[in-house]
Amino acid sequence: MTSHSGDTPAVPDVRPNESCYCGSGATTKRGKYFAQTHDRKTETHATIRDHFGSIDTFAVWADTSATSNA
């Protein structure tokens, strides 16, 4: 595992394996982790769901965070 400072959690050392890492089962090009556009799918779906529960909760958090940092 690789550790990072701050709020970023440690992540496992992963390698491309010709299977899309988003979980769709799509085949990837050699050396790629995701099928085309599936990296964005993963970011928006899994990350927001796992960390915020829903896109609505994320939107409120982002708006509140932007307002408090202004």
PDB file of N, CA and C in Angstrom:
ATOM      1  N   MET A   1       0.832  -1.189   0.000  1.00  0.00           N
ATOM      2  CA  MET A   1       0.000   0.000   0.000  1.00  0.00           C
ATOM      3  C   MET A   1       0.868   1.242   0.000  1.00  0.00           C
ATOM      4  N   THR A   2       0.344   2.270  -0.606  1.00  0.00           N
ATOM      5  CA  THR A   2       1.020   3.554  -0.627  1.00  0.00           C
ATOM      6  C   THR A   2       0.299   4.469   0.336  1.00  0.00           C
ATOM      7  N   SER A   3       1.032   5.136   1.207  1.00  0.00           N
ATOM      8  CA  SER A   3       0.386   6.053   2.138  1.00  0.00           C
ATOM      9  C   SER A   3       0.602   7.485   1.661  1.00  0.00           C
ATOM     10  N   HIS A   4      -0.332   8.328   2.007  1.00  0.00           N
ATOM     11  CA  HIS A   4      -0.296   9.732   1.633  1.00  0.00           C
ATOM     12  C   HIS A   4      -0.495  10.565   2.893  1.00  0.00           C
ATOM     13  N   SER A   5      -0.061  11.804   2.842  1.00  0.00           N
ATOM     14  CA  SER A   5      -0.287  12.687   3.984  1.00  0.00           C
ATOM     15  C   SER A   5      -1.650  13.344   3.866  1.00  0.00           C
ATOM     16  N   GLY A   6      -2.125  13.933   4.915  1.00  0.00           N
ATOM     17  CA  GLY A   6      -3.396  14.644   4.890  1.00  0.00           C
ATOM     18  C   GLY A   6      -4.588  13.715   4.980  1.00  0.00           C
ATOM     19  N   ASP A   7      -5.669  14.095   4.296  1.00  0.00           N
ATOM     20  CA  ASP A   7      -6.922  13.352   4.367  1.00  0.00           C
ATOM     21  C   ASP A   7      -7.025  12.219   3.353  1.00  0.00           C
ATOM     22  N   THR A   8      -6.027  12.053   2.494  1.00  0.00           N
ATOM     23  CA  THR A   8      -6.088  11.011   1.478  1.00  0.00           C
ATOM     24  C   THR A   8      -5.723   9.667   2.103  1.00  0.00           C
ATOM     25  N   PRO A   9      -6.597   8.681   2.001  1.00  0.00           N
ATOM     26  CA  PRO A   9      -6.301   7.373   2.600  1.00  0.00           C
ATOM     27  C   PRO A   9      -5.238   6.618   1.799  1.00  0.00           C
ATOM     28  N   ALA A  10      -4.606   5.661   2.440  1.00  0.00           N
ATOM     29  CA  ALA A  10      -3.659   4.795   1.748  1.00  0.00           C
ATOM     30  C   ALA A  10      -4.412   3.979   0.702  1.00  0.00           C
ATOM     31  N   VAL A  11      -3.778   3.744  -0.428  1.00  0.00           N
ATOM     32  CA  VAL A  11      -4.412   2.977  -1.499  1.00  0.00           C
ATOM     33  C   VAL A  11      -3.524   1.799  -1.872  1.00  0.00           C
ATOM     34  N   PRO A  12      -4.128   0.708  -2.305  1.00  0.00           N
ATOM     35  CA  PRO A  12      -3.321  -0.441  -2.704  1.00  0.00           C
ATOM     36  C   PRO A  12      -2.571  -0.145  -3.999  1.00  0.00           C
ATOM     37  N   ASP A  13      -1.457  -0.807  -4.195  1.00  0.00           N
ATOM     38  CA  ASP A  13      -0.684  -0.690  -5.423  1.00  0.00           C
ATOM     39  C   ASP A  13      -1.371  -1.568  -6.471  1.00  0.00           C
ATOM     40  N   VAL A  14      -1.996  -0.951  -7.470  1.00  0.00           N
ATOM     41  CA  VAL A  14      -2.737  -1.702  -8.485  1.00  0.00           C
ATOM     42  C   VAL A  14      -2.075  -1.553  -9.837  1.00  0.00           C
ATOM     43  N   ARG A  15      -2.295  -2.522 -10.686  1.00  0.00           N
ATOM     44  CA  ARG A  15      -1.751  -2.538 -12.042  1.00  0.00           C
ATOM     45  C   ARG A  15      -2.881  -2.787 -13.039  1.00  0.00           C
ATOM     46  N   PRO A  16      -2.766  -2.223 -14.249  1.00  0.00           N
ATOM     47  CA  PRO A  16      -3.779  -2.503 -15.275  1.00  0.00           C
ATOM     48  C   PRO A  16      -3.836  -4.006 -15.566  1.00  0.00           C
ATOM     49  N   ASN A  17      -5.053  -4.532 -15.722  1.00  0.00           N
ATOM     50  CA  ASN A  17      -5.194  -5.968 -15.971  1.00  0.00           C
ATOM     51  C   ASN A  17      -6.166  -6.273 -17.114  1.00  0.00           C
ATOM     52  N   GLU A  18      -6.397  -5.284 -17.980  1.00  0.00           N
ATOM     53  CA  GLU A  18      -7.281  -5.386 -19.135  1.00  0.00           C
ATOM     54  C   GLU A  18      -8.748  -5.573 -18.760  1.00  0.00           C
ATOM     55  N   SER A  19      -9.100  -5.298 -17.513  1.00  0.00           N
ATOM     56  CA  SER A  19     -10.478  -5.301 -17.047  1.00  0.00           C
ATOM     57  C   SER A  19     -10.737  -3.952 -16.387  1.00  0.00           C
ATOM     58  N   CYS A  20     -11.836  -3.311 -16.755  1.00  0.00           N
ATOM     59  CA  CYS A  20     -12.127  -1.963 -16.271  1.00  0.00           C
ATOM     60  C   CYS A  20     -12.271  -1.938 -14.753  1.00  0.00           C
ATOM     61  N   TYR A  21     -11.578  -1.004 -14.130  1.00  0.00           N
ATOM     62  CA  TYR A  21     -11.595  -0.884 -12.678  1.00  0.00           C
ATOM     63  C   TYR A  21     -12.899  -0.289 -12.128  1.00  0.00           C
ATOM     64  N   CYS A  22     -13.822   0.146 -12.995  1.00  0.00           N
ATOM     65  CA  CYS A  22     -15.083   0.693 -12.490  1.00  0.00           C
ATOM     66  C   CYS A  22     -16.034  -0.420 -12.063  1.00  0.00           C
ATOM     67  N   GLY A  23     -15.711  -1.651 -12.455  1.00  0.00           N
ATOM     68  CA  GLY A  23     -16.564  -2.774 -12.084  1.00  0.00           C
ATOM     69  C   GLY A  23     -17.565  -3.163 -13.158  1.00  0.00           C
ATOM     70  N   SER A  24     -17.510  -2.516 -14.309  1.00  0.00           N
ATOM     71  CA  SER A  24     -18.475  -2.798 -15.374  1.00  0.00           C
ATOM     72  C   SER A  24     -18.207  -4.115 -16.084  1.00  0.00           C
ATOM     73  N   GLY A  25     -16.976  -4.608 -15.974  1.00  0.00           N
ATOM     74  CA  GLY A  25     -16.603  -5.826 -16.680  1.00  0.00           C
ATOM     75  C   GLY A  25     -16.104  -5.564 -18.100  1.00  0.00           C
ATOM     76  N   ALA A  26     -16.068  -4.294 -18.512  1.00  0.00           N
ATOM     77  CA  ALA A  26     -15.589  -3.943 -19.843  1.00  0.00           C
ATOM     78  C   ALA A  26     -14.100  -4.250 -19.970  1.00  0.00           C
ATOM     79  N   THR A  27     -13.679  -4.579 -21.179  1.00  0.00           N
ATOM     80  CA  THR A  27     -12.272  -4.825 -21.462  1.00  0.00           C
ATOM     81  C   THR A  27     -11.595  -3.490 -21.757  1.00  0.00           C
ATOM     82  N   THR A  28     -10.389  -3.318 -21.240  1.00  0.00           N
ATOM     83  CA  THR A  28      -9.643  -2.079 -21.460  1.00  0.00           C
ATOM     84  C   THR A  28      -8.527  -2.301 -22.467  1.00  0.00           C
ATOM     85  N   LYS A  29      -8.020  -1.192 -22.981  1.00  0.00           N
ATOM     86  CA  LYS A  29      -6.846  -1.267 -23.842  1.00  0.00           C
ATOM     87  C   LYS A  29      -5.651  -1.620 -22.969  1.00  0.00           C
ATOM     88  N   ARG A  30      -4.668  -2.246 -23.558  1.00  0.00           N
ATOM     89  CA  ARG A  30      -3.469  -2.665 -22.824  1.00  0.00           C
ATOM     90  C   ARG A  30      -2.850  -1.473 -22.090  1.00  0.00           C
ATOM     91  N   GLY A  31      -2.577  -1.653 -20.800  1.00  0.00           N
ATOM     92  CA  GLY A  31      -1.955  -0.616 -19.989  1.00  0.00           C
ATOM     93  C   GLY A  31      -2.921   0.406 -19.402  1.00  0.00           C
ATOM     94  N   LYS A  32      -4.208   0.266 -19.674  1.00  0.00           N
ATOM     95  CA  LYS A  32      -5.210   1.214 -19.178  1.00  0.00           C
ATOM     96  C   LYS A  32      -5.977   0.597 -18.011  1.00  0.00           C
ATOM     97  N   TYR A  33      -6.392   1.449 -17.079  1.00  0.00           N
ATOM     98  CA  TYR A  33      -7.156   1.009 -15.912  1.00  0.00           C
ATOM     99  C   TYR A  33      -8.664   1.033 -16.168  1.00  0.00           C
ATOM    100  N   PHE A  34      -9.108   1.906 -17.073  1.00  0.00           N
ATOM    101  CA  PHE A  34     -10.532   2.094 -17.325  1.00  0.00           C
ATOM    102  C   PHE A  34     -10.831   2.046 -18.816  1.00  0.00           C
ATOM    103  N   ALA A  35     -12.031   1.568 -19.163  1.00  0.00           N
ATOM    104  CA  ALA A  35     -12.535   1.708 -20.526  1.00  0.00           C
ATOM    105  C   ALA A  35     -12.810   3.197 -20.747  1.00  0.00           C
ATOM    106  N   GLN A  36     -12.881   3.616 -21.997  1.00  0.00           N
ATOM    107  CA  GLN A  36     -13.072   5.035 -22.295  1.00  0.00           C
ATOM    108  C   GLN A  36     -14.295   5.595 -21.578  1.00  0.00           C
ATOM    109  N   THR A  37     -14.142   6.689 -20.885  1.00  0.00           N
ATOM    110  CA  THR A  37     -15.124   7.450 -20.089  1.00  0.00           C
ATOM    111  C   THR A  37     -15.513   6.781 -18.772  1.00  0.00           C
ATOM    112  N   HIS A  38     -15.066   5.565 -18.505  1.00  0.00           N
ATOM    113  CA  HIS A  38     -15.457   4.881 -17.270  1.00  0.00           C
ATOM    114  C   HIS A  38     -14.766   5.451 -16.038  1.00  0.00           C
ATOM    115  N   ASP A  39     -13.647   6.165 -16.217  1.00  0.00           N
ATOM    116  CA  ASP A  39     -13.009   6.812 -15.070  1.00  0.00           C
ATOM    117  C   ASP A  39     -13.936   7.873 -14.503  1.00  0.00           C
ATOM    118  N   ARG A  40     -14.612   8.605 -15.348  1.00  0.00           N
ATOM    119  CA  ARG A  40     -15.563   9.629 -14.889  1.00  0.00           C
ATOM    120  C   ARG A  40     -16.769   8.987 -14.224  1.00  0.00           C
ATOM    121  N   LYS A  41     -17.211   7.877 -14.775  1.00  0.00           N
ATOM    122  CA  LYS A  41     -18.332   7.144 -14.170  1.00  0.00           C
ATOM    123  C   LYS A  41     -17.968   6.744 -12.740  1.00  0.00           C
ATOM    124  N   THR A  42     -16.771   6.243 -12.574  1.00  0.00           N
ATOM    125  CA  THR A  42     -16.314   5.820 -11.252  1.00  0.00           C
ATOM    126  C   THR A  42     -16.238   6.993 -10.297  1.00  0.00           C
ATOM    127  N   GLU A  43     -15.663   8.097 -10.757  1.00  0.00           N
ATOM    128  CA  GLU A  43     -15.535   9.282  -9.900  1.00  0.00           C
ATOM    129  C   GLU A  43     -16.897   9.773  -9.436  1.00  0.00           C
ATOM    130  N   THR A  44     -17.811   9.920 -10.369  1.00  0.00           N
ATOM    131  CA  THR A  44     -19.099  10.506 -10.004  1.00  0.00           C
ATOM    132  C   THR A  44     -19.981   9.564  -9.220  1.00  0.00           C
ATOM    133  N   HIS A  45     -19.988   8.300  -9.553  1.00  0.00           N
ATOM    134  CA  HIS A  45     -20.889   7.375  -8.870  1.00  0.00           C
ATOM    135  C   HIS A  45     -20.330   6.852  -7.552  1.00  0.00           C
ATOM    136  N   ALA A  46     -19.233   6.154  -7.633  1.00  0.00           N
ATOM    137  CA  ALA A  46     -18.698   5.502  -6.439  1.00  0.00           C
ATOM    138  C   ALA A  46     -18.189   6.493  -5.400  1.00  0.00           C
ATOM    139  N   THR A  47     -17.423   7.450  -5.829  1.00  0.00           N
ATOM    140  CA  THR A  47     -16.834   8.386  -4.875  1.00  0.00           C
ATOM    141  C   THR A  47     -17.891   9.197  -4.153  1.00  0.00           C
ATOM    142  N   ILE A  48     -18.796   9.769  -4.905  1.00  0.00           N
ATOM    143  CA  ILE A  48     -19.842  10.578  -4.273  1.00  0.00           C
ATOM    144  C   ILE A  48     -20.738   9.707  -3.397  1.00  0.00           C
ATOM    145  N   ARG A  49     -21.136   8.554  -3.885  1.00  0.00           N
ATOM    146  CA  ARG A  49     -21.991   7.661  -3.095  1.00  0.00           C
ATOM    147  C   ARG A  49     -21.293   7.217  -1.811  1.00  0.00           C
ATOM    148  N   ASP A  50     -20.043   6.817  -1.936  1.00  0.00           N
ATOM    149  CA  ASP A  50     -19.308   6.312  -0.774  1.00  0.00           C
ATOM    150  C   ASP A  50     -19.016   7.393   0.263  1.00  0.00           C
ATOM    151  N   HIS A  51     -18.731   8.593  -0.190  1.00  0.00           N
ATOM    152  CA  HIS A  51     -18.328   9.639   0.736  1.00  0.00           C
ATOM    153  C   HIS A  51     -19.450  10.578   1.161  1.00  0.00           C
ATOM    154  N   PHE A  52     -20.483  10.696   0.337  1.00  0.00           N
ATOM    155  CA  PHE A  52     -21.547  11.652   0.643  1.00  0.00           C
ATOM    156  C   PHE A  52     -22.935  11.025   0.704  1.00  0.00           C
ATOM    157  N   GLY A  53     -23.095   9.819   0.184  1.00  0.00           N
ATOM    158  CA  GLY A  53     -24.393   9.152   0.217  1.00  0.00           C
ATOM    159  C   GLY A  53     -25.245   9.421  -1.004  1.00  0.00           C
ATOM    160  N   SER A  54     -25.197  10.650  -1.530  1.00  0.00           N
ATOM    161  CA  SER A  54     -25.983  10.985  -2.721  1.00  0.00           C
ATOM    162  C   SER A  54     -25.419  12.236  -3.371  1.00  0.00           C
ATOM    163  N   ILE A  55     -25.787  12.467  -4.623  1.00  0.00           N
ATOM    164  CA  ILE A  55     -25.349  13.659  -5.324  1.00  0.00           C
ATOM    165  C   ILE A  55     -25.920  14.907  -4.666  1.00  0.00           C
ATOM    166  N   ASP A  56     -27.122  14.814  -4.128  1.00  0.00           N
ATOM    167  CA  ASP A  56     -27.737  15.958  -3.447  1.00  0.00           C
ATOM    168  C   ASP A  56     -26.919  16.388  -2.230  1.00  0.00           C
ATOM    169  N   THR A  57     -26.518  15.417  -1.430  1.00  0.00           N
ATOM    170  CA  THR A  57     -25.711  15.711  -0.246  1.00  0.00           C
ATOM    171  C   THR A  57     -24.372  16.314  -0.653  1.00  0.00           C
ATOM    172  N   PHE A  58     -23.767  15.767  -1.711  1.00  0.00           N
ATOM    173  CA  PHE A  58     -22.515  16.306  -2.220  1.00  0.00           C
ATOM    174  C   PHE A  58     -22.685  17.752  -2.677  1.00  0.00           C
ATOM    175  N   ALA A  59     -23.759  18.050  -3.403  1.00  0.00           N
ATOM    176  CA  ALA A  59     -23.998  19.404  -3.902  1.00  0.00           C
ATOM    177  C   ALA A  59     -24.139  20.398  -2.753  1.00  0.00           C
ATOM    178  N   VAL A  60     -24.855  20.007  -1.709  1.00  0.00           N
ATOM    179  CA  VAL A  60     -25.012  20.887  -0.542  1.00  0.00           C
ATOM    180  C   VAL A  60     -23.660  21.095   0.134  1.00  0.00           C
ATOM    181  N   TRP A  61     -22.888  20.015   0.308  1.00  0.00           N
ATOM    182  CA  TRP A  61     -21.562  20.119   0.912  1.00  0.00           C
ATOM    183  C   TRP A  61     -20.669  21.044   0.089  1.00  0.00           C
ATOM    184  N   ALA A  62     -20.639  20.854  -1.234  1.00  0.00           N
ATOM    185  CA  ALA A  62     -19.786  21.668  -2.102  1.00  0.00           C
ATOM    186  C   ALA A  62     -20.182  23.135  -2.024  1.00  0.00           C
ATOM    187  N   ASP A  63     -21.477  23.406  -2.012  1.00  0.00           N
ATOM    188  CA  ASP A  63     -21.951  24.787  -1.929  1.00  0.00           C
ATOM    189  C   ASP A  63     -21.566  25.400  -0.584  1.00  0.00           C
ATOM    190  N   THR A  64     -21.746  24.657   0.483  1.00  0.00           N
ATOM    191  CA  THR A  64     -21.398  25.130   1.823  1.00  0.00           C
ATOM    192  C   THR A  64     -19.903  25.347   1.950  1.00  0.00           C
ATOM    193  N   SER A  65     -19.132  24.424   1.399  1.00  0.00           N
ATOM    194  CA  SER A  65     -17.676  24.516   1.458  1.00  0.00           C
ATOM    195  C   SER A  65     -17.183  25.728   0.674  1.00  0.00           C
ATOM    196  N   ALA A  66     -17.745  25.972  -0.494  1.00  0.00           N
ATOM    197  CA  ALA A  66     -17.335  27.111  -1.319  1.00  0.00           C
ATOM    198  C   ALA A  66     -17.703  28.433  -0.626  1.00  0.00           C
ATOM    199  N   THR A  67     -18.858  28.470   0.006  1.00  0.00           N
ATOM    200  CA  THR A  67     -19.302  29.677   0.700  1.00  0.00           C
ATOM    201  C   THR A  67     -18.430  29.961   1.916  1.00  0.00           C
ATOM    202  N   SER A  68     -18.066  28.925   2.657  1.00  0.00           N
ATOM    203  CA  SER A  68     -17.271  29.133   3.864  1.00  0.00           C
ATOM    204  C   SER A  68     -15.828  29.478   3.556  1.00  0.00           C
ATOM    205  N   ASN A  69     -15.350  29.143   2.366  1.00  0.00           N
ATOM    206  CA  ASN A  69     -13.969  29.444   1.967  1.00  0.00           C
ATOM    207  C   ASN A  69     -13.869  30.774   1.222  1.00  0.00           C
ATOM    208  N   ALA A  70     -14.987  31.434   0.988  1.00  0.00           N
ATOM    209  CA  ALA A  70     -14.959  32.689   0.218  1.00  0.00           C
ATOM    210  C   ALA A  70     -14.516  33.859   1.071  1.00  0.00           C
TER     211      ALA A  70
END
